[in-house]
Amino acid sequence: MKNRIEEIRNEKGIKQEDFAKLMGVSRQTISSLENGRYNPSILLAHKIAAYFGMAIEEVFIFEEE
């Protein structure tokens, strides 16, 4: 699953470490999410989308294989 977390976070001028604290996860988790190495729980995905004021589908792009 792809996502736009890094793009949106950078547009808002939020550092990776600060965003991780806001989401209650480690900076490494945010890095892994942004690099596509980790898929978030539905709760974390919702929290991220809600923080950005967006729908989950606007942040996370599900591609069927």
PDB file of N, CA and C in Angstrom:
ATOM      1  N   MET A   1       0.851  -1.174   0.000  1.00  0.00           N
ATOM      2  CA  MET A   1       0.000   0.000   0.000  1.00  0.00           C
ATOM      3  C   MET A   1       0.896   1.235   0.000  1.00  0.00           C
ATOM      4  N   LYS A   2       0.605   2.137  -0.891  1.00  0.00           N
ATOM      5  CA  LYS A   2       1.354   3.391  -0.958  1.00  0.00           C
ATOM      6  C   LYS A   2       0.655   4.433  -0.085  1.00  0.00           C
ATOM      7  N   ASN A   3       1.392   5.505   0.215  1.00  0.00           N
ATOM      8  CA  ASN A   3       0.782   6.581   0.984  1.00  0.00           C
ATOM      9  C   ASN A   3       1.442   7.910   0.635  1.00  0.00           C
ATOM     10  N   ARG A   4       0.790   8.973   1.069  1.00  0.00           N
ATOM     11  CA  ARG A   4       1.266  10.330   0.802  1.00  0.00           C
ATOM     12  C   ARG A   4       1.718  11.022   2.079  1.00  0.00           C
ATOM     13  N   ILE A   5       2.036  10.255   3.118  1.00  0.00           N
ATOM     14  CA  ILE A   5       2.369  10.845   4.414  1.00  0.00           C
ATOM     15  C   ILE A   5       3.524  11.835   4.305  1.00  0.00           C
ATOM     16  N   GLU A   6       4.621  11.419   3.696  1.00  0.00           N
ATOM     17  CA  GLU A   6       5.795  12.297   3.606  1.00  0.00           C
ATOM     18  C   GLU A   6       5.457  13.581   2.845  1.00  0.00           C
ATOM     19  N   GLU A   7       4.774  13.433   1.737  1.00  0.00           N
ATOM     20  CA  GLU A   7       4.385  14.595   0.922  1.00  0.00           C
ATOM     21  C   GLU A   7       3.534  15.581   1.729  1.00  0.00           C
ATOM     22  N   ILE A   8       2.517  15.066   2.397  1.00  0.00           N
ATOM     23  CA  ILE A   8       1.599  15.926   3.154  1.00  0.00           C
ATOM     24  C   ILE A   8       2.309  16.525   4.369  1.00  0.00           C
ATOM     25  N   ARG A   9       3.100  15.718   5.045  1.00  0.00           N
ATOM     26  CA  ARG A   9       3.830  16.187   6.225  1.00  0.00           C
ATOM     27  C   ARG A   9       4.778  17.315   5.842  1.00  0.00           C
ATOM     28  N   ASN A  10       5.482  17.149   4.729  1.00  0.00           N
ATOM     29  CA  ASN A  10       6.401  18.194   4.269  1.00  0.00           C
ATOM     30  C   ASN A  10       5.667  19.469   3.867  1.00  0.00           C
ATOM     31  N   GLU A  11       4.501  19.321   3.222  1.00  0.00           N
ATOM     32  CA  GLU A  11       3.700  20.498   2.849  1.00  0.00           C
ATOM     33  C   GLU A  11       3.311  21.304   4.077  1.00  0.00           C
ATOM     34  N   LYS A  12       3.069  20.599   5.187  1.00  0.00           N
ATOM     35  CA  LYS A  12       2.654  21.260   6.425  1.00  0.00           C
ATOM     36  C   LYS A  12       3.839  21.680   7.288  1.00  0.00           C
ATOM     37  N   GLY A  13       5.059  21.358   6.845  1.00  0.00           N
ATOM     38  CA  GLY A  13       6.260  21.765   7.555  1.00  0.00           C
ATOM     39  C   GLY A  13       6.463  21.061   8.893  1.00  0.00           C
ATOM     40  N   ILE A  14       6.055  19.807   8.958  1.00  0.00           N
ATOM     41  CA  ILE A  14       6.177  19.047  10.204  1.00  0.00           C
ATOM     42  C   ILE A  14       7.345  18.076  10.077  1.00  0.00           C
ATOM     43  N   LYS A  15       8.257  18.127  11.044  1.00  0.00           N
ATOM     44  CA  LYS A  15       9.384  17.199  11.045  1.00  0.00           C
ATOM     45  C   LYS A  15       8.900  15.798  11.367  1.00  0.00           C
ATOM     46  N   GLN A  16       9.626  14.822  10.851  1.00  0.00           N
ATOM     47  CA  GLN A  16       9.277  13.419  11.061  1.00  0.00           C
ATOM     48  C   GLN A  16       9.185  13.085  12.555  1.00  0.00           C
ATOM     49  N   GLU A  17      10.148  13.546  13.326  1.00  0.00           N
ATOM     50  CA  GLU A  17      10.170  13.265  14.761  1.00  0.00           C
ATOM     51  C   GLU A  17       8.973  13.891  15.474  1.00  0.00           C
ATOM     52  N   ASP A  18       8.634  15.114  15.117  1.00  0.00           N
ATOM     53  CA  ASP A  18       7.488  15.795  15.727  1.00  0.00           C
ATOM     54  C   ASP A  18       6.182  15.103  15.364  1.00  0.00           C
ATOM     55  N   PHE A  19       6.074  14.676  14.125  1.00  0.00           N
ATOM     56  CA  PHE A  19       4.867  13.984  13.684  1.00  0.00           C
ATOM     57  C   PHE A  19       4.706  12.657  14.428  1.00  0.00           C
ATOM     58  N   ALA A  20       5.824  11.954  14.601  1.00  0.00           N
ATOM     59  CA  ALA A  20       5.796  10.680  15.339  1.00  0.00           C
ATOM     60  C   ALA A  20       5.262  10.899  16.755  1.00  0.00           C
ATOM     61  N   LYS A  21       5.740  11.940  17.419  1.00  0.00           N
ATOM     62  CA  LYS A  21       5.263  12.238  18.779  1.00  0.00           C
ATOM     63  C   LYS A  21       3.769  12.525  18.785  1.00  0.00           C
ATOM     64  N   LEU A  22       3.310  13.286  17.811  1.00  0.00           N
ATOM     65  CA  LEU A  22       1.882  13.606  17.710  1.00  0.00           C
ATOM     66  C   LEU A  22       1.034  12.357  17.513  1.00  0.00           C
ATOM     67  N   MET A  23       1.576  11.382  16.786  1.00  0.00           N
ATOM     68  CA  MET A  23       0.839  10.153  16.489  1.00  0.00           C
ATOM     69  C   MET A  23       1.042   9.077  17.551  1.00  0.00           C
ATOM     70  N   GLY A  24       1.967   9.311  18.480  1.00  0.00           N
ATOM     71  CA  GLY A  24       2.212   8.344  19.545  1.00  0.00           C
ATOM     72  C   GLY A  24       2.989   7.119  19.096  1.00  0.00           C
ATOM     73  N   VAL A  25       3.845   7.306  18.094  1.00  0.00           N
ATOM     74  CA  VAL A  25       4.682   6.213  17.585  1.00  0.00           C
ATOM     75  C   VAL A  25       6.128   6.704  17.495  1.00  0.00           C
ATOM     76  N   SER A  26       7.041   5.808  17.172  1.00  0.00           N
ATOM     77  CA  SER A  26       8.444   6.189  17.037  1.00  0.00           C
ATOM     78  C   SER A  26       8.702   6.852  15.688  1.00  0.00           C
ATOM     79  N   ARG A  27       9.801   7.583  15.608  1.00  0.00           N
ATOM     80  CA  ARG A  27      10.198   8.190  14.340  1.00  0.00           C
ATOM     81  C   ARG A  27      10.471   7.093  13.312  1.00  0.00           C
ATOM     82  N   GLN A  28      10.999   5.957  13.785  1.00  0.00           N
ATOM     83  CA  GLN A  28      11.280   4.837  12.890  1.00  0.00           C
ATOM     84  C   GLN A  28       9.992   4.298  12.261  1.00  0.00           C
ATOM     85  N   THR A  29       8.897   4.306  13.024  1.00  0.00           N
ATOM     86  CA  THR A  29       7.610   3.857  12.483  1.00  0.00           C
ATOM     87  C   THR A  29       7.167   4.779  11.357  1.00  0.00           C
ATOM     88  N   ILE A  30       7.278   6.087  11.565  1.00  0.00           N
ATOM     89  CA  ILE A  30       6.899   7.041  10.519  1.00  0.00           C
ATOM     90  C   ILE A  30       7.790   6.855   9.301  1.00  0.00           C
ATOM     91  N   SER A  31       9.087   6.672   9.518  1.00  0.00           N
ATOM     92  CA  SER A  31      10.011   6.444   8.411  1.00  0.00           C
ATOM     93  C   SER A  31       9.622   5.193   7.631  1.00  0.00           C
ATOM     94  N   SER A  32       9.306   4.117   8.346  1.00  0.00           N
ATOM     95  CA  SER A  32       8.907   2.865   7.688  1.00  0.00           C
ATOM     96  C   SER A  32       7.605   3.023   6.917  1.00  0.00           C
ATOM     97  N   LEU A  33       6.665   3.771   7.477  1.00  0.00           N
ATOM     98  CA  LEU A  33       5.405   4.048   6.778  1.00  0.00           C
ATOM     99  C   LEU A  33       5.679   4.800   5.478  1.00  0.00           C
ATOM    100  N   GLU A  34       6.478   5.862   5.587  1.00  0.00           N
ATOM    101  CA  GLU A  34       6.749   6.708   4.426  1.00  0.00           C
ATOM    102  C   GLU A  34       7.490   5.950   3.327  1.00  0.00           C
ATOM    103  N   ASN A  35       8.298   4.977   3.709  1.00  0.00           N
ATOM    104  CA  ASN A  35       9.072   4.207   2.733  1.00  0.00           C
ATOM    105  C   ASN A  35       8.355   2.954   2.260  1.00  0.00           C
ATOM    106  N   GLY A  36       7.122   2.749   2.730  1.00  0.00           N
ATOM    107  CA  GLY A  36       6.337   1.612   2.284  1.00  0.00           C
ATOM    108  C   GLY A  36       6.753   0.278   2.868  1.00  0.00           C
ATOM    109  N   ARG A  37       7.541   0.309   3.939  1.00  0.00           N
ATOM    110  CA  ARG A  37       7.987  -0.936   4.567  1.00  0.00           C
ATOM    111  C   ARG A  37       7.045  -1.405   5.668  1.00  0.00           C
ATOM    112  N   TYR A  38       6.042  -0.594   5.978  1.00  0.00           N
ATOM    113  CA  TYR A  38       5.138  -0.907   7.089  1.00  0.00           C
ATOM    114  C   TYR A  38       3.750  -0.399   6.753  1.00  0.00           C
ATOM    115  N   ASN A  39       2.746  -1.241   6.960  1.00  0.00           N
ATOM    116  CA  ASN A  39       1.357  -0.825   6.790  1.00  0.00           C
ATOM    117  C   ASN A  39       0.770  -0.573   8.178  1.00  0.00           C
ATOM    118  N   PRO A  40       0.138   0.569   8.372  1.00  0.00           N
ATOM    119  CA  PRO A  40      -0.366   0.913   9.694  1.00  0.00           C
ATOM    120  C   PRO A  40      -1.630   0.137  10.060  1.00  0.00           C
ATOM    121  N   SER A  41      -1.901   0.086  11.342  1.00  0.00           N
ATOM    122  CA  SER A  41      -3.192  -0.440  11.789  1.00  0.00           C
ATOM    123  C   SER A  41      -4.268   0.523  11.307  1.00  0.00           C
ATOM    124  N   ILE A  42      -5.487   0.076  11.281  1.00  0.00           N
ATOM    125  CA  ILE A  42      -6.584   0.955  10.862  1.00  0.00           C
ATOM    126  C   ILE A  42      -6.713   2.137  11.818  1.00  0.00           C
ATOM    127  N   LEU A  43      -6.411   1.910  13.095  1.00  0.00           N
ATOM    128  CA  LEU A  43      -6.486   3.001  14.070  1.00  0.00           C
ATOM    129  C   LEU A  43      -5.439   4.072  13.788  1.00  0.00           C
ATOM    130  N   LEU A  44      -4.210   3.657  13.497  1.00  0.00           N
ATOM    131  CA  LEU A  44      -3.159   4.621  13.180  1.00  0.00           C
ATOM    132  C   LEU A  44      -3.454   5.318  11.862  1.00  0.00           C
ATOM    133  N   ALA A  45      -3.924   4.579  10.868  1.00  0.00           N
ATOM    134  CA  ALA A  45      -4.269   5.188   9.583  1.00  0.00           C
ATOM    135  C   ALA A  45      -5.347   6.254   9.768  1.00  0.00           C
ATOM    136  N   HIS A  46      -6.342   5.961  10.591  1.00  0.00           N
ATOM    137  CA  HIS A  46      -7.412   6.918  10.871  1.00  0.00           C
ATOM    138  C   HIS A  46      -6.866   8.146  11.595  1.00  0.00           C
ATOM    139  N   LYS A  47      -5.997   7.916  12.570  1.00  0.00           N
ATOM    140  CA  LYS A  47      -5.418   9.024  13.339  1.00  0.00           C
ATOM    141  C   LYS A  47      -4.606   9.950  12.435  1.00  0.00           C
ATOM    142  N   ILE A  48      -3.816   9.360  11.542  1.00  0.00           N
ATOM    143  CA  ILE A  48      -3.009  10.153  10.608  1.00  0.00           C
ATOM    144  C   ILE A  48      -3.905  10.966   9.675  1.00  0.00           C
ATOM    145  N   ALA A  49      -4.879  10.310   9.073  1.00  0.00           N
ATOM    146  CA  ALA A  49      -5.786  11.002   8.155  1.00  0.00           C
ATOM    147  C   ALA A  49      -6.549  12.104   8.874  1.00  0.00           C
ATOM    148  N   ALA A  50      -7.033  11.821  10.075  1.00  0.00           N
ATOM    149  CA  ALA A  50      -7.785  12.818  10.840  1.00  0.00           C
ATOM    150  C   ALA A  50      -6.901  14.015  11.178  1.00  0.00           C
ATOM    151  N   TYR A  51      -5.654  13.767  11.536  1.00  0.00           N
ATOM    152  CA  TYR A  51      -4.736  14.861  11.849  1.00  0.00           C
ATOM    153  C   TYR A  51      -4.570  15.787  10.648  1.00  0.00           C
ATOM    154  N   PHE A  52      -4.471  15.196   9.457  1.00  0.00           N
ATOM    155  CA  PHE A  52      -4.315  15.986   8.238  1.00  0.00           C
ATOM    156  C   PHE A  52      -5.644  16.561   7.741  1.00  0.00           C
ATOM    157  N   GLY A  53      -6.749  16.183   8.378  1.00  0.00           N
ATOM    158  CA  GLY A  53      -8.061  16.662   7.944  1.00  0.00           C
ATOM    159  C   GLY A  53      -8.473  16.071   6.614  1.00  0.00           C
ATOM    160  N   MET A  54      -8.087  14.819   6.394  1.00  0.00           N
ATOM    161  CA  MET A  54      -8.345  14.165   5.123  1.00  0.00           C
ATOM    162  C   MET A  54      -9.005  12.814   5.357  1.00  0.00           C
ATOM    163  N   ALA A  55      -9.588  12.256   4.299  1.00  0.00           N
ATOM    164  CA  ALA A  55     -10.106  10.891   4.353  1.00  0.00           C
ATOM    165  C   ALA A  55      -8.929   9.931   4.260  1.00  0.00           C
ATOM    166  N   ILE A  56      -9.081   8.751   4.830  1.00  0.00           N
ATOM    167  CA  ILE A  56      -8.017   7.744   4.778  1.00  0.00           C
ATOM    168  C   ILE A  56      -7.593   7.504   3.328  1.00  0.00           C
ATOM    169  N   GLU A  57      -8.566   7.454   2.427  1.00  0.00           N
ATOM    170  CA  GLU A  57      -8.282   7.179   1.012  1.00  0.00           C
ATOM    171  C   GLU A  57      -7.458   8.279   0.340  1.00  0.00           C
ATOM    172  N   GLU A  58      -7.459   9.472   0.914  1.00  0.00           N
ATOM    173  CA  GLU A  58      -6.659  10.565   0.365  1.00  0.00           C
ATOM    174  C   GLU A  58      -5.190  10.454   0.789  1.00  0.00           C
ATOM    175  N   VAL A  59      -4.935   9.762   1.885  1.00  0.00           N
ATOM    176  CA  VAL A  59      -3.583   9.612   2.409  1.00  0.00           C
ATOM    177  C   VAL A  59      -2.972   8.272   2.003  1.00  0.00           C
ATOM    178  N   PHE A  60      -3.781   7.220   2.063  1.00  0.00           N
ATOM    179  CA  PHE A  60      -3.319   5.868   1.771  1.00  0.00           C
ATOM    180  C   PHE A  60      -3.923   5.383   0.461  1.00  0.00           C
ATOM    181  N   ILE A  61      -3.069   4.882  -0.428  1.00  0.00           N
ATOM    182  CA  ILE A  61      -3.493   4.440  -1.743  1.00  0.00           C
ATOM    183  C   ILE A  61      -3.390   2.924  -1.798  1.00  0.00           C
ATOM    184  N   PHE A  62      -4.543   2.271  -1.838  1.00  0.00           N
ATOM    185  CA  PHE A  62      -4.580   0.816  -1.920  1.00  0.00           C
ATOM    186  C   PHE A  62      -4.577   0.416  -3.380  1.00  0.00           C
ATOM    187  N   GLU A  63      -3.617  -0.428  -3.738  1.00  0.00           N
ATOM    188  CA  GLU A  63      -3.521  -0.912  -5.122  1.00  0.00           C
ATOM    189  C   GLU A  63      -3.668  -2.421  -5.114  1.00  0.00           C
ATOM    190  N   GLU A  64      -4.670  -2.908  -5.814  1.00  0.00           N
ATOM    191  CA  GLU A  64      -4.838  -4.360  -5.919  1.00  0.00           C
ATOM    192  C   GLU A  64      -3.750  -4.918  -6.828  1.00  0.00           C
ATOM    193  N   GLU A  65      -3.279  -6.102  -6.459  1.00  0.00           N
ATOM    194  CA  GLU A  65      -2.198  -6.707  -7.258  1.00  0.00           C
ATOM    195  C   GLU A  65      -2.774  -7.572  -8.350  1.00  0.00           C
TER     196      GLU A  65
END
